[in-house]
N, C-alpha and C. Protein backbone atom coordinates (compact mmCIF):
# COMPACT_ATOMS: atom_id res chain seq x y z
N MET A 1 12.65 -18.88 -2.28
CA MET A 1 11.94 -17.99 -2.66
C MET A 1 13.22 -16.86 -2.79
N ASN A 2 13.15 -16.25 -3.20
CA ASN A 2 14.79 -15.14 -3.31
C ASN A 2 13.84 -13.86 -3.34
N PRO A 3 13.83 -13.10 -2.17
CA PRO A 3 13.08 -12.05 -2.00
C PRO A 3 13.81 -10.82 -2.73
N GLU A 4 15.02 -10.79 -3.26
CA GLU A 4 15.70 -10.15 -3.89
C GLU A 4 15.43 -10.33 -5.82
N LYS A 5 14.68 -11.26 -5.83
CA LYS A 5 13.89 -11.44 -7.57
C LYS A 5 12.98 -10.61 -7.84
N ILE A 6 13.34 -9.93 -8.79
CA ILE A 6 11.80 -8.99 -9.43
C ILE A 6 11.13 -9.71 -9.56
N TYR A 7 11.32 -11.09 -10.35
CA TYR A 7 10.52 -11.74 -11.01
C TYR A 7 10.34 -13.05 -10.46
N PRO A 8 9.37 -12.91 -9.26
CA PRO A 8 9.61 -14.40 -8.15
C PRO A 8 9.12 -16.07 -9.02
N ILE A 9 8.32 -15.42 -9.94
CA ILE A 9 7.50 -17.05 -10.31
C ILE A 9 8.25 -17.03 -11.71
N ASP A 10 8.92 -17.85 -12.31
CA ASP A 10 9.51 -18.91 -12.65
C ASP A 10 8.40 -18.57 -14.14
N GLY A 11 8.86 -18.24 -15.32
CA GLY A 11 8.56 -18.23 -16.61
C GLY A 11 7.13 -17.48 -16.82
N PHE A 12 7.25 -16.58 -15.28
CA PHE A 12 5.97 -15.84 -15.59
C PHE A 12 6.09 -14.22 -15.38
N LYS A 13 5.74 -13.02 -15.94
CA LYS A 13 6.85 -11.63 -16.15
C LYS A 13 5.15 -11.16 -15.74
N ASN A 14 4.40 -11.47 -15.87
CA ASN A 14 3.09 -10.48 -14.72
C ASN A 14 3.18 -10.27 -13.37
N THR A 15 3.99 -10.64 -12.75
CA THR A 15 4.02 -10.68 -11.64
C THR A 15 5.51 -10.04 -10.77
N VAL A 16 5.77 -9.20 -9.92
CA VAL A 16 6.87 -8.46 -9.92
C VAL A 16 6.69 -8.85 -8.16
N LEU A 17 7.70 -8.41 -7.45
CA LEU A 17 8.41 -8.05 -6.35
C LEU A 17 8.44 -6.76 -6.15
N LEU A 18 8.02 -6.01 -5.10
CA LEU A 18 8.12 -4.30 -5.23
C LEU A 18 9.60 -4.32 -4.49
N LYS A 19 9.69 -4.63 -3.37
CA LYS A 19 11.25 -4.27 -2.71
C LYS A 19 12.13 -4.07 -3.98
N PRO A 20 12.59 -5.34 -4.52
CA PRO A 20 14.06 -5.10 -5.48
C PRO A 20 13.51 -4.13 -6.95
N LEU A 21 12.07 -3.94 -7.00
CA LEU A 21 12.08 -2.84 -8.48
C LEU A 21 12.04 -1.67 -8.36
N ILE A 22 11.72 -1.21 -6.50
CA ILE A 22 11.59 0.35 -5.79
C ILE A 22 13.37 0.45 -5.97
N GLU A 23 13.60 -1.02 -4.99
CA GLU A 23 15.37 -0.09 -5.01
C GLU A 23 16.05 0.05 -5.82
N ALA A 24 15.64 -0.56 -7.46
CA ALA A 24 16.58 -0.15 -8.23
C ALA A 24 16.15 0.89 -9.14
N SER A 25 15.54 1.19 -8.42
CA SER A 25 15.23 2.64 -9.64
C SER A 25 15.54 3.65 -8.49
N ASP A 26 15.27 5.18 -9.02
CA ASP A 26 15.99 6.22 -8.61
C ASP A 26 14.65 7.33 -7.80
N VAL A 27 13.47 6.33 -7.50
CA VAL A 27 12.75 6.38 -6.22
C VAL A 27 12.40 6.68 -4.87
N SER A 28 12.77 7.81 -4.70
CA SER A 28 12.89 7.76 -3.20
C SER A 28 12.16 7.90 -1.86
N ASN A 29 11.11 7.92 -2.38
CA ASN A 29 10.06 8.34 -1.31
C ASN A 29 8.85 6.90 -1.20
N VAL A 30 9.11 6.11 -2.02
CA VAL A 30 8.37 5.23 -2.05
C VAL A 30 8.90 3.50 -1.62
N PHE A 31 8.28 2.97 -0.44
CA PHE A 31 9.21 1.70 0.14
C PHE A 31 8.04 0.08 0.43
N ALA A 32 9.04 -0.71 0.37
CA ALA A 32 8.02 -2.23 0.25
C ALA A 32 9.02 -3.07 1.37
N GLY A 33 8.46 -3.61 1.95
CA GLY A 33 8.51 -4.71 2.19
C GLY A 33 8.79 -5.88 2.01
N GLU A 34 9.88 -6.99 2.51
CA GLU A 34 9.85 -8.30 1.26
C GLU A 34 9.22 -9.07 1.45
N TYR A 35 8.52 -9.87 0.07
CA TYR A 35 7.33 -10.10 -0.49
C TYR A 35 6.19 -9.49 -0.78
N SER A 36 6.01 -8.64 -0.62
CA SER A 36 5.40 -7.70 -1.11
C SER A 36 5.03 -8.09 -2.91
N TYR A 37 3.56 -7.93 -3.29
CA TYR A 37 3.99 -8.06 -5.04
C TYR A 37 2.71 -7.56 -5.52
N TYR A 38 3.22 -7.52 -6.76
CA TYR A 38 2.01 -6.66 -7.88
C TYR A 38 2.08 -7.68 -9.00
N SER A 39 0.65 -7.54 -9.36
CA SER A 39 0.55 -8.16 -10.94
C SER A 39 -0.54 -7.37 -11.70
N ASN A 40 0.34 -7.54 -12.83
CA ASN A 40 -0.45 -6.68 -13.82
C ASN A 40 -0.61 -7.55 -15.44
N PHE A 41 -1.60 -7.41 -16.03
CA PHE A 41 -0.92 -7.98 -17.29
C PHE A 41 -0.99 -7.28 -18.20
N ASN A 42 -0.20 -6.43 -18.15
CA ASN A 42 -0.04 -5.59 -19.14
C ASN A 42 1.88 -5.78 -18.63
N ASP A 43 2.09 -4.81 -17.92
CA ASP A 43 4.03 -4.66 -17.69
C ASP A 43 3.91 -4.26 -15.75
N PRO A 44 4.02 -4.92 -15.44
CA PRO A 44 4.18 -4.63 -13.60
C PRO A 44 5.08 -3.88 -13.33
N THR A 45 6.53 -4.01 -14.16
CA THR A 45 7.37 -3.22 -13.65
C THR A 45 7.13 -1.90 -14.03
N GLN A 46 5.93 -1.38 -14.32
CA GLN A 46 5.64 0.20 -14.41
C GLN A 46 5.10 0.53 -13.21
N PHE A 47 5.04 -0.25 -12.18
CA PHE A 47 4.47 0.14 -11.28
C PHE A 47 4.43 1.44 -10.34
N LEU A 48 5.70 1.78 -10.37
CA LEU A 48 5.98 3.28 -10.25
C LEU A 48 5.74 4.23 -10.81
N THR A 49 5.15 4.50 -11.70
CA THR A 49 4.88 5.05 -12.99
C THR A 49 3.48 5.38 -13.18
N GLU A 50 2.38 3.96 -13.32
CA GLU A 50 1.19 3.63 -13.70
C GLU A 50 0.53 3.72 -12.43
N SER A 51 0.93 2.97 -11.05
CA SER A 51 0.84 2.87 -9.89
C SER A 51 1.05 3.96 -9.01
N VAL A 52 1.57 4.62 -8.74
CA VAL A 52 1.69 5.31 -8.09
C VAL A 52 1.61 7.04 -9.02
N LEU A 53 1.02 7.51 -8.58
CA LEU A 53 0.26 9.01 -9.10
C LEU A 53 0.71 9.73 -8.59
N TYR A 54 1.04 11.03 -9.38
CA TYR A 54 1.12 12.23 -8.75
C TYR A 54 2.32 12.49 -7.68
N ASN A 55 3.14 11.85 -7.85
CA ASN A 55 4.68 11.58 -6.93
C ASN A 55 5.69 13.08 -7.53
N PHE A 56 5.18 14.13 -6.93
CA PHE A 56 6.35 14.91 -7.58
C PHE A 56 7.41 15.57 -6.79
N GLY A 57 7.18 14.66 -5.46
CA GLY A 57 7.98 15.46 -4.43
C GLY A 57 7.20 16.82 -4.01
N ILE A 58 6.59 17.64 -4.12
CA ILE A 58 5.95 18.75 -3.40
C ILE A 58 5.62 18.40 -1.88
N SER A 59 4.76 17.45 -1.40
CA SER A 59 4.28 17.36 -0.30
C SER A 59 5.10 16.53 0.57
N LYS A 60 6.07 16.40 0.26
CA LYS A 60 7.76 15.80 1.02
C LYS A 60 6.79 14.09 1.27
N THR A 61 5.58 13.58 0.84
CA THR A 61 5.15 12.79 2.02
C THR A 61 5.90 11.18 0.85
N SER A 62 5.03 10.17 1.49
CA SER A 62 5.64 8.52 1.00
C SER A 62 4.64 7.69 1.46
N LEU A 63 5.39 7.05 0.38
CA LEU A 63 4.04 5.56 0.17
C LEU A 63 5.07 4.00 1.00
N ARG A 64 4.92 4.01 1.54
CA ARG A 64 5.22 2.82 2.61
C ARG A 64 4.84 1.98 2.62
N ILE A 65 5.16 0.84 2.08
CA ILE A 65 4.30 -0.75 1.87
C ILE A 65 4.57 -1.78 2.90
N GLY A 66 4.22 -2.56 3.50
CA GLY A 66 4.90 -3.70 4.68
C GLY A 66 4.70 -4.99 3.96
N LYS A 67 5.28 -6.01 4.63
CA LYS A 67 5.43 -6.91 4.02
C LYS A 67 4.49 -7.87 3.58
N PHE A 68 4.67 -8.62 2.68
CA PHE A 68 3.36 -9.91 2.33
C PHE A 68 2.64 -9.13 1.97
N CYS A 69 2.42 -8.59 1.12
CA CYS A 69 1.28 -8.05 0.60
C CYS A 69 1.26 -8.43 -0.97
N ALA A 70 -0.47 -8.28 -1.12
CA ALA A 70 -0.52 -8.54 -2.70
C ALA A 70 -1.36 -7.46 -3.28
N PHE A 71 -1.16 -6.91 -4.12
CA PHE A 71 -1.96 -6.11 -5.29
C PHE A 71 -2.19 -6.72 -6.24
N ALA A 72 -3.33 -6.52 -6.77
CA ALA A 72 -4.16 -7.15 -8.21
C ALA A 72 -3.61 -5.91 -9.22
N HIS A 73 -4.29 -6.21 -10.45
CA HIS A 73 -3.80 -5.37 -11.96
C HIS A 73 -4.68 -3.95 -11.54
N GLY A 74 -3.74 -3.05 -11.77
CA GLY A 74 -4.37 -1.68 -11.75
C GLY A 74 -4.76 -0.99 -10.68
N VAL A 75 -4.28 -1.21 -9.32
CA VAL A 75 -4.14 -1.01 -7.84
C VAL A 75 -3.71 0.65 -8.42
N LYS A 76 -3.86 1.44 -7.62
CA LYS A 76 -3.57 2.97 -7.66
C LYS A 76 -3.33 3.43 -6.49
N PHE A 77 -2.09 4.06 -6.48
CA PHE A 77 -1.78 4.95 -5.19
C PHE A 77 -2.01 6.70 -5.35
N VAL A 78 -2.98 7.59 -5.47
CA VAL A 78 -2.52 8.71 -5.18
C VAL A 78 -2.27 9.67 -3.99
N MET A 79 -1.03 9.95 -5.05
CA MET A 79 0.05 10.62 -3.71
C MET A 79 -0.16 12.06 -3.41
N ALA A 80 -0.32 12.94 -2.43
CA ALA A 80 -1.04 14.09 -1.93
C ALA A 80 -0.72 15.11 -3.07
N ASP A 81 0.64 14.82 -3.93
CA ASP A 81 0.74 16.23 -4.88
C ASP A 81 0.00 16.25 -5.65
N ALA A 82 -1.08 15.25 -5.81
CA ALA A 82 -2.18 15.34 -6.82
C ALA A 82 -3.65 16.54 -6.21
N ASN A 83 -2.99 17.12 -5.14
CA ASN A 83 -4.15 18.19 -4.36
C ASN A 83 -4.22 19.32 -4.95
N HIS A 84 -4.76 20.38 -4.78
CA HIS A 84 -4.84 21.69 -5.31
C HIS A 84 -5.03 22.48 -3.88
N SER A 85 -5.01 23.97 -3.92
CA SER A 85 -4.74 24.22 -2.94
C SER A 85 -6.59 24.95 -3.12
N THR A 86 -7.02 24.68 -1.39
CA THR A 86 -8.46 24.92 -1.75
C THR A 86 -9.00 25.76 -0.42
N SER A 87 -8.69 26.69 0.10
CA SER A 87 -8.71 27.51 1.23
C SER A 87 -8.62 29.04 0.92
N GLY A 88 -8.60 29.08 -0.43
CA GLY A 88 -8.61 30.00 -1.10
C GLY A 88 -10.05 30.62 -1.89
N ILE A 89 -10.15 31.52 -3.27
CA ILE A 89 -11.02 31.48 -3.97
C ILE A 89 -11.52 30.71 -4.99
N THR A 90 -9.76 30.24 -5.41
CA THR A 90 -10.03 29.44 -6.41
C THR A 90 -9.07 28.27 -6.38
N SER A 91 -9.13 27.16 -6.79
CA SER A 91 -8.66 25.81 -6.45
C SER A 91 -7.50 26.27 -7.64
N PHE A 92 -7.15 26.98 -8.99
CA PHE A 92 -6.69 26.67 -10.00
C PHE A 92 -4.98 26.52 -9.39
N PRO A 93 -4.41 26.05 -10.15
CA PRO A 93 -2.92 26.00 -9.64
C PRO A 93 -1.83 27.17 -10.87
N PHE A 94 -2.22 27.94 -10.44
CA PHE A 94 -1.36 29.13 -11.69
C PHE A 94 -0.01 28.46 -11.25
N ALA A 95 0.71 29.06 -10.41
CA ALA A 95 2.36 28.11 -10.43
C ALA A 95 2.50 27.43 -11.38
N VAL A 96 2.09 26.38 -11.44
CA VAL A 96 2.04 25.16 -12.19
C VAL A 96 2.63 25.31 -13.79
N PHE A 97 2.20 26.59 -14.15
CA PHE A 97 2.13 26.69 -15.33
C PHE A 97 3.46 27.83 -15.91
N GLY A 98 4.19 28.35 -14.76
CA GLY A 98 5.60 29.14 -14.65
C GLY A 98 4.95 30.39 -15.70
N GLU A 99 6.67 31.30 -15.48
CA GLU A 99 6.81 32.11 -16.01
C GLU A 99 5.66 33.03 -15.35
N LYS A 100 4.67 33.93 -15.55
CA LYS A 100 4.37 35.07 -14.58
C LYS A 100 3.56 34.49 -13.67
N TRP A 101 2.84 33.66 -13.64
CA TRP A 101 1.68 32.98 -12.60
C TRP A 101 2.98 32.51 -11.99
N ALA A 102 4.08 32.07 -11.47
CA ALA A 102 4.87 31.21 -10.93
C ALA A 102 5.28 32.79 -10.85
N GLU A 103 5.65 33.56 -10.37
CA GLU A 103 6.33 35.11 -10.26
C GLU A 103 5.30 35.19 -8.73
N SER A 104 3.98 35.54 -9.31
CA SER A 104 3.01 36.15 -9.17
C SER A 104 3.36 35.82 -7.60
N LEU A 105 2.71 34.17 -7.22
CA LEU A 105 2.56 33.28 -5.96
C LEU A 105 3.63 32.03 -6.77
N PRO A 106 5.07 31.71 -6.07
CA PRO A 106 5.09 30.52 -5.99
C PRO A 106 4.63 29.49 -5.41
N LEU A 107 4.94 28.80 -6.17
CA LEU A 107 4.38 27.01 -5.69
C LEU A 107 4.27 26.89 -4.42
N SER A 108 5.56 27.02 -4.12
CA SER A 108 6.17 27.25 -2.93
C SER A 108 5.50 27.64 -1.65
N GLU A 109 4.70 28.36 -1.58
CA GLU A 109 3.85 29.54 -0.97
C GLU A 109 2.72 29.15 -1.09
N TYR A 110 1.44 28.22 -1.76
CA TYR A 110 0.40 27.68 -1.98
C TYR A 110 0.20 27.35 -0.14
N PRO A 111 -0.94 27.34 -0.02
CA PRO A 111 -1.54 27.10 1.37
C PRO A 111 -1.73 25.43 1.25
N PHE A 112 -1.40 24.74 0.22
CA PHE A 112 -1.87 23.28 0.34
C PHE A 112 -2.21 22.49 1.96
N LYS A 113 -3.26 21.53 1.80
CA LYS A 113 -3.20 20.61 2.75
C LYS A 113 -2.33 19.85 3.19
N LYS A 114 -1.94 19.63 4.04
CA LYS A 114 -0.84 19.20 4.82
C LYS A 114 -1.21 16.97 4.80
N TYR A 115 -0.42 16.23 4.73
CA TYR A 115 -1.04 15.16 4.43
C TYR A 115 -0.04 14.19 4.93
N LYS A 116 -0.34 12.81 5.92
CA LYS A 116 0.38 12.20 6.24
C LYS A 116 0.90 11.09 4.94
N ASP A 117 1.87 9.95 5.12
CA ASP A 117 1.96 9.24 4.43
C ASP A 117 1.01 8.36 4.22
N ILE A 118 1.11 7.63 3.06
CA ILE A 118 0.08 6.83 2.47
C ILE A 118 0.99 4.91 3.13
N VAL A 119 -0.09 4.49 4.40
CA VAL A 119 1.12 3.55 5.05
C VAL A 119 -0.12 1.98 4.64
N ILE A 120 0.53 1.44 3.87
CA ILE A 120 -0.11 -0.29 4.19
C ILE A 120 0.49 -1.06 4.73
N GLY A 121 -0.21 -1.86 5.44
CA GLY A 121 0.40 -2.53 6.82
C GLY A 121 0.81 -4.00 6.12
N ASN A 122 1.30 -5.01 7.20
CA ASN A 122 1.66 -6.16 6.37
C ASN A 122 0.59 -6.79 5.92
N ASP A 123 0.68 -7.60 5.19
CA ASP A 123 -0.20 -9.11 5.09
C ASP A 123 -1.81 -8.27 4.40
N VAL A 124 -1.89 -7.44 3.46
CA VAL A 124 -2.64 -6.53 2.61
C VAL A 124 -3.18 -7.44 1.47
N TRP A 125 -4.68 -6.98 1.14
CA TRP A 125 -4.40 -7.90 0.01
C TRP A 125 -5.07 -7.00 -0.80
N LEU A 126 -5.02 -6.13 -1.98
CA LEU A 126 -5.34 -4.96 -2.18
C LEU A 126 -6.17 -5.70 -3.50
N GLY A 127 -7.57 -5.55 -4.18
CA GLY A 127 -8.21 -6.31 -5.13
C GLY A 127 -7.81 -5.21 -6.26
N MET A 128 -8.95 -5.56 -7.88
CA MET A 128 -8.30 -4.85 -8.69
C MET A 128 -8.60 -4.15 -8.94
N ASP A 129 -7.98 -2.79 -9.88
CA ASP A 129 -8.27 -1.39 -9.59
C ASP A 129 -8.71 -0.55 -8.02
N VAL A 130 -7.99 -1.16 -7.52
CA VAL A 130 -8.11 -0.32 -6.26
C VAL A 130 -7.94 1.19 -6.12
N THR A 131 -8.21 2.26 -5.93
CA THR A 131 -7.74 3.52 -5.69
C THR A 131 -7.49 3.65 -4.07
N ILE A 132 -6.14 4.17 -4.17
CA ILE A 132 -5.94 4.49 -2.46
C ILE A 132 -5.56 5.89 -2.24
N MET A 133 -6.23 6.94 -1.99
CA MET A 133 -6.52 8.16 -1.44
C MET A 133 -5.01 8.55 -0.84
N PRO A 134 -4.90 9.91 -0.98
CA PRO A 134 -3.62 10.40 -0.71
C PRO A 134 -3.76 10.42 1.42
N GLY A 135 -2.74 9.95 2.38
CA GLY A 135 -2.81 9.98 3.19
C GLY A 135 -3.51 9.05 4.22
N VAL A 136 -3.72 7.57 3.00
CA VAL A 136 -4.43 6.31 4.02
C VAL A 136 -3.67 5.64 4.58
N SER A 137 -3.61 4.66 6.07
CA SER A 137 -3.61 4.06 6.74
C SER A 137 -4.26 2.68 6.28
N ILE A 138 -4.12 1.81 5.47
CA ILE A 138 -4.74 0.36 6.03
C ILE A 138 -3.95 -0.60 6.52
N GLY A 139 -4.44 -0.81 7.88
CA GLY A 139 -4.10 -1.80 9.32
C GLY A 139 -3.65 -3.40 8.69
N HIS A 140 -2.34 -4.35 9.27
CA HIS A 140 -2.62 -5.29 8.95
C HIS A 140 -3.47 -6.82 8.51
N GLY A 141 -3.03 -6.80 7.40
CA GLY A 141 -4.81 -8.43 7.51
C GLY A 141 -5.41 -7.57 6.67
N SER A 142 -5.85 -6.33 6.29
CA SER A 142 -7.09 -6.02 5.68
C SER A 142 -6.72 -6.07 3.96
N ILE A 143 -8.44 -6.64 3.55
CA ILE A 143 -8.36 -7.30 2.26
C ILE A 143 -9.94 -6.09 1.97
N VAL A 144 -8.78 -5.02 0.86
CA VAL A 144 -9.99 -4.06 0.08
C VAL A 144 -10.28 -4.53 -1.64
N GLY A 145 -11.79 -4.92 -1.22
CA GLY A 145 -12.39 -5.49 -2.57
C GLY A 145 -12.00 -4.12 -3.55
N ALA A 146 -12.41 -5.04 -4.91
CA ALA A 146 -12.16 -4.58 -6.51
C ALA A 146 -12.67 -3.60 -6.41
N GLN A 147 -11.94 -2.62 -7.20
CA GLN A 147 -12.30 -1.29 -7.36
C GLN A 147 -13.19 -0.38 -6.43
N SER A 148 -12.69 -0.30 -5.14
CA SER A 148 -12.58 0.26 -4.50
C SER A 148 -12.22 1.74 -4.11
N VAL A 149 -12.48 2.54 -3.65
CA VAL A 149 -12.10 3.91 -3.65
C VAL A 149 -11.60 4.25 -1.90
N VAL A 150 -10.32 4.22 -1.25
CA VAL A 150 -10.41 3.93 0.31
C VAL A 150 -10.11 5.34 0.29
N ALA A 151 -10.38 6.44 1.04
CA ALA A 151 -10.09 7.90 1.31
C ALA A 151 -10.00 7.91 2.56
N SER A 152 -10.18 6.74 3.67
CA SER A 152 -10.08 6.77 5.47
C SER A 152 -9.41 5.67 5.47
N ASP A 153 -8.61 5.77 6.70
CA ASP A 153 -8.14 5.09 7.30
C ASP A 153 -8.79 3.74 7.81
N VAL A 154 -8.04 2.65 7.36
CA VAL A 154 -8.73 0.86 7.23
C VAL A 154 -8.04 0.61 8.81
N PRO A 155 -9.23 0.03 9.23
CA PRO A 155 -8.66 -0.73 10.66
C PRO A 155 -7.91 -2.35 10.72
N PRO A 156 -7.15 -3.11 11.12
CA PRO A 156 -6.47 -3.91 11.23
C PRO A 156 -7.64 -5.08 10.70
N TYR A 157 -7.59 -6.05 9.93
CA TYR A 157 -8.13 -7.21 9.45
C TYR A 157 -9.46 -7.14 9.50
N SER A 158 -9.77 -5.90 8.53
CA SER A 158 -11.26 -5.57 7.56
C SER A 158 -10.96 -5.83 6.78
N ILE A 159 -12.23 -5.68 6.53
CA ILE A 159 -12.40 -6.12 5.21
C ILE A 159 -13.93 -4.95 4.48
N VAL A 160 -13.15 -4.12 3.58
CA VAL A 160 -13.53 -3.23 3.01
C VAL A 160 -13.85 -2.99 1.50
N ALA A 161 -14.76 -2.30 1.18
CA ALA A 161 -15.09 -2.39 -0.21
C ALA A 161 -16.06 -0.65 -0.06
N GLY A 162 -15.80 -0.53 -1.42
CA GLY A 162 -17.12 0.70 -1.92
C GLY A 162 -16.46 1.73 -2.35
N ASN A 163 -17.28 2.55 -2.85
CA ASN A 163 -16.76 3.98 -3.07
C ASN A 163 -17.72 4.88 -2.59
N PRO A 164 -17.40 5.90 -1.33
CA PRO A 164 -16.13 5.68 -0.70
C PRO A 164 -15.49 3.99 -0.35
N ALA A 165 -14.99 3.52 0.30
CA ALA A 165 -14.89 2.33 1.04
C ALA A 165 -14.92 1.86 2.46
N ARG A 166 -16.28 1.20 2.71
CA ARG A 166 -16.69 1.38 3.72
C ARG A 166 -16.22 -0.33 4.55
N VAL A 167 -16.64 -0.58 5.91
CA VAL A 167 -15.71 -1.88 6.47
C VAL A 167 -17.21 -2.58 6.42
N ILE A 168 -17.03 -3.77 5.95
CA ILE A 168 -18.04 -4.77 5.25
C ILE A 168 -18.44 -5.76 6.56
N ARG A 169 -16.59 -5.95 7.36
CA ARG A 169 -16.90 -7.00 8.23
C ARG A 169 -15.85 -6.67 8.95
N ASP A 170 -15.65 -7.27 10.10
CA ASP A 170 -14.18 -7.69 9.98
C ASP A 170 -13.45 -9.12 10.42
N ARG A 171 -12.37 -9.39 9.80
CA ARG A 171 -12.03 -10.81 9.82
C ARG A 171 -12.16 -11.86 11.06
N TYR A 172 -12.01 -11.09 11.81
CA TYR A 172 -11.57 -12.02 13.23
C TYR A 172 -12.42 -11.52 14.40
N SER A 173 -12.50 -12.02 15.48
CA SER A 173 -12.85 -10.97 16.57
C SER A 173 -12.22 -10.03 17.30
N ALA A 174 -12.53 -9.80 18.53
CA ALA A 174 -11.33 -8.37 18.87
C ALA A 174 -10.09 -9.12 19.23
N ASP A 175 -9.98 -9.99 19.76
CA ASP A 175 -9.51 -11.03 20.96
C ASP A 175 -8.21 -11.50 19.85
N GLU A 176 -9.09 -12.27 18.73
CA GLU A 176 -8.25 -12.99 17.51
C GLU A 176 -7.05 -11.87 16.98
N LYS A 177 -7.91 -10.62 16.39
CA LYS A 177 -7.01 -9.76 16.18
C LYS A 177 -6.14 -8.79 16.96
N GLU A 178 -5.93 -9.04 18.31
CA GLU A 178 -5.29 -9.06 19.58
C GLU A 178 -4.40 -9.93 19.17
N ALA A 179 -4.66 -11.06 19.24
CA ALA A 179 -3.61 -12.19 19.57
C ALA A 179 -2.54 -11.73 18.25
N LEU A 180 -3.27 -11.96 16.61
CA LEU A 180 -2.37 -11.84 15.31
C LEU A 180 -1.80 -10.35 15.64
N LEU A 181 -1.93 -9.40 16.01
CA LEU A 181 -0.86 -8.28 16.19
C LEU A 181 -0.18 -8.52 17.22
N ASP A 182 -0.35 -9.51 18.40
CA ASP A 182 0.83 -9.63 18.62
C ASP A 182 1.63 -10.54 18.21
N LEU A 183 1.44 -11.51 17.60
CA LEU A 183 2.23 -12.34 16.92
C LEU A 183 3.04 -11.64 15.99
N GLN A 184 2.56 -10.97 14.97
CA GLN A 184 3.05 -10.26 14.11
C GLN A 184 3.82 -11.35 13.18
N TRP A 185 3.29 -12.24 13.08
CA TRP A 185 3.99 -13.63 11.93
C TRP A 185 5.28 -13.19 10.99
N TRP A 186 4.54 -11.57 10.01
CA TRP A 186 4.66 -11.74 8.76
C TRP A 186 6.66 -10.54 9.59
N ASN A 187 6.57 -10.85 10.69
CA ASN A 187 8.28 -10.48 10.93
C ASN A 187 9.14 -12.14 11.63
N TRP A 188 8.68 -12.87 11.39
CA TRP A 188 9.31 -13.98 11.98
C TRP A 188 9.79 -14.62 10.69
N GLU A 189 11.36 -15.20 11.31
CA GLU A 189 12.56 -15.29 10.20
C GLU A 189 11.78 -16.41 8.75
N ILE A 190 12.30 -15.99 7.83
CA ILE A 190 11.28 -16.62 6.87
C ILE A 190 11.56 -18.45 7.34
N GLU A 191 12.00 -19.08 7.89
CA GLU A 191 12.32 -20.44 8.15
C GLU A 191 11.25 -20.69 8.95
N LYS A 192 10.86 -20.19 9.49
CA LYS A 192 9.63 -20.47 10.61
C LYS A 192 8.64 -20.13 10.31
N ILE A 193 8.07 -19.30 9.20
CA ILE A 193 7.33 -19.12 8.36
C ILE A 193 6.74 -19.89 7.41
N GLU A 194 7.96 -20.44 6.71
CA GLU A 194 7.68 -21.61 6.00
C GLU A 194 7.30 -23.13 6.83
N LEU A 195 7.71 -22.80 7.91
CA LEU A 195 7.42 -23.98 8.45
C LEU A 195 5.45 -23.94 8.63
N ALA A 196 5.21 -22.72 9.34
CA ALA A 196 4.06 -22.30 9.37
C ALA A 196 2.64 -21.80 7.87
N MET A 197 3.59 -22.63 6.95
CA MET A 197 2.58 -22.08 6.20
C MET A 197 1.49 -23.00 6.14
N PRO A 198 1.31 -24.11 6.42
CA PRO A 198 -0.15 -24.81 6.41
C PRO A 198 -0.96 -24.46 6.90
N THR A 199 -0.44 -24.12 7.97
CA THR A 199 -0.99 -23.37 9.41
C THR A 199 -1.88 -21.65 8.96
N LEU A 200 -0.67 -21.14 8.38
CA LEU A 200 -1.15 -19.77 7.99
C LEU A 200 -2.38 -19.80 6.71
N VAL A 201 -2.20 -20.83 5.57
CA VAL A 201 -3.12 -21.05 4.87
C VAL A 201 -4.18 -21.32 4.99
N LYS A 202 -4.38 -22.27 6.36
CA LYS A 202 -5.65 -23.42 6.22
C LYS A 202 -6.33 -23.19 7.55
N GLY A 203 -5.33 -22.80 8.85
CA GLY A 203 -5.58 -22.88 9.81
C GLY A 203 -6.60 -21.81 10.69
N ASN A 204 -6.60 -21.62 11.82
CA ASN A 204 -7.52 -20.17 12.24
C ASN A 204 -5.94 -20.02 13.77
N VAL A 205 -6.94 -18.83 14.23
CA VAL A 205 -6.04 -18.39 15.18
C VAL A 205 -5.48 -19.29 16.36
N SER A 206 -6.39 -19.66 17.10
CA SER A 206 -5.60 -20.65 17.75
C SER A 206 -4.81 -21.58 17.09
N GLU A 207 -4.87 -22.15 16.29
CA GLU A 207 -3.72 -23.01 16.04
C GLU A 207 -2.48 -22.13 15.38
N LEU A 208 -2.82 -21.56 14.76
CA LEU A 208 -1.05 -20.30 14.93
C LEU A 208 -0.73 -19.95 16.23
N ILE A 209 -1.54 -19.34 17.31
CA ILE A 209 -0.76 -19.25 18.55
C ILE A 209 -0.23 -21.02 18.89
N LYS A 210 -0.98 -21.80 18.80
CA LYS A 210 -0.64 -23.55 19.75
C LYS A 210 0.83 -23.33 18.41
N PHE A 211 0.99 -23.46 16.93
CA PHE A 211 2.28 -23.36 16.57
C PHE A 211 3.70 -22.48 17.39
N ALA A 212 3.04 -21.01 16.95
CA ALA A 212 4.27 -20.24 17.76
C ALA A 212 4.64 -20.38 19.04
N GLN A 213 4.12 -20.70 19.98
CA GLN A 213 4.12 -21.65 21.74
C GLN A 213 5.33 -22.82 21.45
N GLU A 214 4.86 -23.80 20.30
CA GLU A 214 5.88 -25.05 20.43
C GLU A 214 7.25 -24.90 19.77
N GLN A 215 6.66 -23.13 18.99
CA GLN A 215 8.60 -22.95 18.24
C GLN A 215 9.49 -22.08 18.83
């Protein structure tokens, strides 16, 4: 498995690895870890234009994606530049239209709300048509159900769904989550991950801890 290969599955053009795709672009505020991928029935190479929306650079925020994430068709990230100023009487963005309207009050002087970066942890699965709103962080190992709209932070190893998305249940107990977060399997050398794959896919937390101890 070559993490620098844009198309990771031989003979298929519907899935791309995000890290090499982003690094080949001129976009400087979107980052992805190794092996995270995006699938799209049409053209997944358009991720940066069709999935990362309103990325104009005004807000100075970024989208940061961890390793081993799986993003389904239609996933959208709404960057903070989509937002209008709402602290005054109107939310209309006069300055966007230039000329006299921009001279009256430049866009740089608009009292926009400040947002954090959008941060997607490691080993996160986003289902079909999920929308992630500005400033949201999704914890490691979480799963977001199809067509959910995520407007607030998601704790690690949670399953969330709905609009707005709510936690349906935790994937593991508090102790198990703590153990998984301590193990950080996504940061292991790829050779170790390859040895652990049967346990990662079919095993439980205790078995993964045992594997790590034996290694």
